[in-house]
Amino acid sequence: MSTTKIIYGLYGDDDDLMHGVKAFNDKGIRINEVYTPFPVHGLDKALGLKKTRISDAAFIYACYGVTIGITMTAYIMNHDWPQNIGGKPSFTWINNFPAFIDPMFELMVFCSAHLMSLTFLVRNKMYPGAKPQNPDPRTTDDKFMMEFVSDDVETIKQLLIDTGVEEITVKDA
């Protein structure tokens, strides 16, 4: 009876990591996760990751911010506290539109940045109080780690050794 194991391979250099990813892709072995201390150029394509939808969410959040800006300026400047600023008429929002571009832009940036950050943190389970997902704290300093979930431990260990791994750890799944 085979038991599923989690295999970690720790690399000291990002070039060795990329060489290892390509070697595992050539053999058809699926890499479960890669942990790096900084973004590695080309790693997402080498792993076959799809484009994220965070930019689509940013657009929706920016539209939300502009909507808040339009609503806020229309209400405040025309109904709640109308003022004659620079001789501009205050009876219609469209006549004062150029004066409202700045607050609408600022609310667009504010909403898209903050909501995109919150979306990222919740989606990746990195919110306050979440359980840490990093198996080795050295990957936040200077090491690179590949994670595999497999029954064939010996094949993965040998291929890790062939690609220049510094350390191999095997745990029960």
Protein backbone atom coordinates (compact mmCIF):
# COMPACT_ATOMS: atom_id res chain seq x y z
CA MET A 1 0.00 0.00 0.00
CA SER A 2 1.46 3.35 -1.04
CA THR A 3 1.09 6.40 1.11
CA THR A 4 0.98 9.92 -0.19
CA LYS A 5 3.87 12.09 0.96
CA ILE A 6 4.68 15.78 0.75
CA ILE A 7 8.18 16.36 -0.64
CA TYR A 8 9.96 19.71 -0.26
CA GLY A 9 13.04 20.61 -2.28
CA LEU A 10 15.00 23.67 -1.10
CA TYR A 11 17.11 25.58 -3.63
CA GLY A 12 19.64 28.33 -2.97
CA ASP A 13 19.36 30.12 -6.32
CA ASP A 14 16.47 31.16 -8.55
CA ASP A 15 18.27 29.89 -11.66
CA ASP A 16 18.51 26.43 -10.12
CA LEU A 17 14.82 26.64 -9.23
CA MET A 18 13.85 27.51 -12.82
CA HIS A 19 16.05 24.66 -14.10
CA GLY A 20 14.28 22.33 -11.66
CA VAL A 21 10.81 23.51 -12.71
CA LYS A 22 11.65 22.90 -16.37
CA ALA A 23 13.07 19.46 -15.56
CA PHE A 24 9.93 18.44 -13.67
CA ASN A 25 7.72 19.78 -16.46
CA ASP A 26 9.69 17.74 -19.01
CA LYS A 27 9.13 14.58 -16.94
CA GLY A 28 5.41 15.40 -16.50
CA ILE A 29 5.62 15.60 -12.71
CA ARG A 30 3.18 18.09 -11.22
CA ILE A 31 4.61 20.74 -8.89
CA ASN A 32 2.09 21.51 -6.15
CA GLU A 33 3.52 24.87 -5.01
CA VAL A 34 6.65 27.03 -5.23
CA TYR A 35 7.74 29.36 -2.42
CA THR A 36 10.13 32.21 -3.25
CA PRO A 37 11.41 35.25 -1.31
CA PHE A 38 10.82 37.52 -4.33
CA PRO A 39 9.02 37.26 -7.68
CA VAL A 40 10.96 35.11 -10.13
CA HIS A 41 10.63 36.24 -13.74
CA GLY A 42 8.99 33.59 -15.92
CA LEU A 43 8.06 31.27 -13.04
CA ASP A 44 4.31 31.71 -13.56
CA LYS A 45 4.59 30.68 -17.21
CA ALA A 46 6.92 27.79 -16.38
CA LEU A 47 4.40 26.50 -13.83
CA GLY A 48 1.54 26.95 -16.32
CA LEU A 49 -0.41 29.34 -14.11
CA LYS A 50 -3.34 31.19 -15.66
CA LYS A 51 -3.60 34.97 -15.69
CA THR A 52 -5.19 36.25 -12.50
CA ARG A 53 -8.48 38.15 -12.50
CA ILE A 54 -7.28 40.77 -10.01
CA SER A 55 -7.12 43.37 -12.83
CA ASP A 56 -10.78 42.70 -13.64
CA ALA A 57 -11.63 43.18 -9.97
CA ALA A 58 -9.61 46.42 -9.96
CA PHE A 59 -11.68 47.75 -12.85
CA ILE A 60 -14.94 46.91 -11.06
CA TYR A 61 -13.67 48.52 -7.85
CA ALA A 62 -12.58 51.63 -9.80
CA CYS A 63 -16.08 51.91 -11.32
CA TYR A 64 -17.49 51.61 -7.81
CA GLY A 65 -15.21 54.46 -6.67
CA VAL A 66 -16.24 56.69 -9.58
CA THR A 67 -19.91 55.97 -8.82
CA ILE A 68 -19.38 56.98 -5.19
CA GLY A 69 -17.59 60.13 -6.38
CA ILE A 70 -20.40 61.12 -8.74
CA THR A 71 -23.06 60.45 -6.11
CA MET A 72 -21.14 62.27 -3.42
CA THR A 73 -20.35 65.37 -5.48
CA ALA A 74 -23.88 65.58 -6.89
CA TYR A 75 -25.45 65.38 -3.45
CA ILE A 76 -23.02 67.58 -1.54
CA MET A 77 -22.52 70.35 -4.09
CA ASN A 78 -26.08 70.54 -5.42
CA HIS A 79 -28.37 69.54 -2.56
CA ASP A 80 -26.71 69.44 0.83
CA TRP A 81 -24.33 72.40 0.71
CA PRO A 82 -24.52 74.29 -2.63
CA GLN A 83 -21.90 76.99 -3.01
CA ASN A 84 -20.95 79.45 -5.71
CA ILE A 85 -17.28 78.60 -6.22
CA GLY A 86 -15.47 80.68 -8.82
CA GLY A 87 -18.72 81.86 -10.38
CA LYS A 88 -19.79 78.34 -11.34
CA PRO A 89 -23.51 77.69 -11.25
CA SER A 90 -24.55 75.09 -8.71
CA PHE A 91 -27.95 74.08 -10.10
CA THR A 92 -26.75 71.13 -12.22
CA TRP A 93 -24.00 68.59 -11.70
CA ILE A 94 -23.04 68.42 -15.39
CA ASN A 95 -22.25 72.15 -15.49
CA ASN A 96 -19.76 71.68 -12.65
CA PHE A 97 -18.34 68.38 -13.90
CA PRO A 98 -14.76 69.63 -14.52
CA ALA A 99 -14.49 70.71 -10.88
CA PHE A 100 -15.51 67.21 -9.74
CA ILE A 101 -12.94 65.23 -11.73
CA ASP A 102 -10.34 65.36 -8.94
CA PRO A 103 -12.48 63.90 -6.15
CA MET A 104 -13.88 61.24 -8.51
CA PHE A 105 -10.35 60.24 -9.54
CA GLU A 106 -9.17 60.10 -5.94
CA LEU A 107 -12.11 57.92 -4.92
CA MET A 108 -11.50 55.67 -7.91
CA VAL A 109 -7.88 55.12 -6.87
CA PHE A 110 -8.78 54.77 -3.19
CA CYS A 111 -11.50 52.16 -3.78
CA SER A 112 -9.58 50.12 -6.33
CA ALA A 113 -6.37 50.03 -4.26
CA HIS A 114 -7.99 49.19 -0.93
CA LEU A 115 -10.56 46.72 -2.22
CA MET A 116 -7.99 45.03 -4.45
CA SER A 117 -5.68 44.60 -1.44
CA LEU A 118 -8.50 43.15 0.65
CA THR A 119 -9.53 40.83 -2.19
CA PHE A 120 -5.94 39.60 -2.54
CA LEU A 121 -5.58 38.94 1.19
CA VAL A 122 -8.91 37.12 1.52
CA ARG A 123 -8.46 35.11 -1.69
CA ASN A 124 -5.00 33.91 -0.62
CA LYS A 125 -6.06 33.31 2.99
CA MET A 126 -3.58 35.87 4.34
CA TYR A 127 -6.05 37.82 6.47
CA PRO A 128 -5.27 38.50 10.16
CA GLY A 129 -5.59 35.35 12.25
CA ALA A 130 -5.14 32.98 9.30
CA LYS A 131 -2.91 29.95 9.73
CA PRO A 132 0.54 30.46 8.13
CA GLN A 133 0.97 28.46 4.93
CA ASN A 134 4.73 28.73 4.50
CA PRO A 135 6.38 25.38 5.35
CA ASP A 136 9.89 26.85 5.81
CA PRO A 137 10.62 30.40 7.04
CA ARG A 138 13.89 30.48 5.08
CA THR A 139 11.85 31.00 1.90
CA THR A 140 11.10 34.54 3.08
CA ASP A 141 14.83 35.36 3.25
CA ASP A 142 16.98 33.73 0.59
CA LYS A 143 15.82 30.19 -0.26
CA PHE A 144 13.48 28.81 -2.93
CA MET A 145 11.26 25.78 -2.32
CA MET A 146 9.26 23.41 -4.51
CA GLU A 147 6.49 21.32 -2.97
CA PHE A 148 5.21 18.03 -4.37
CA VAL A 149 2.38 15.76 -3.25
CA SER A 150 3.07 12.29 -4.60
CA ASP A 151 3.43 8.57 -3.93
CA ASP A 152 6.61 8.27 -6.01
CA VAL A 153 9.05 9.78 -3.52
CA GLU A 154 12.25 8.23 -4.89
CA THR A 155 11.78 9.53 -8.44
CA ILE A 156 11.12 13.05 -7.20
CA LYS A 157 14.07 12.93 -4.77
CA GLN A 158 16.43 11.78 -7.53
CA LEU A 159 15.25 14.48 -9.93
CA LEU A 160 15.61 17.10 -7.17
CA ILE A 161 19.19 15.97 -6.59
CA ASP A 162 19.89 16.08 -10.33
CA THR A 163 18.66 19.70 -10.53
CA GLY A 164 20.91 20.98 -7.73
CA VAL A 165 18.66 20.97 -4.67
CA GLU A 166 20.32 21.83 -1.34
CA GLU A 167 17.91 20.07 1.00
CA ILE A 168 15.06 17.55 0.69
CA THR A 169 12.35 17.07 3.32
CA VAL A 170 9.66 14.39 3.19
CA LYS A 171 6.54 14.53 5.37
CA ASP A 172 3.31 12.55 5.58
CA ALA A 173 0.39 14.17 3.77
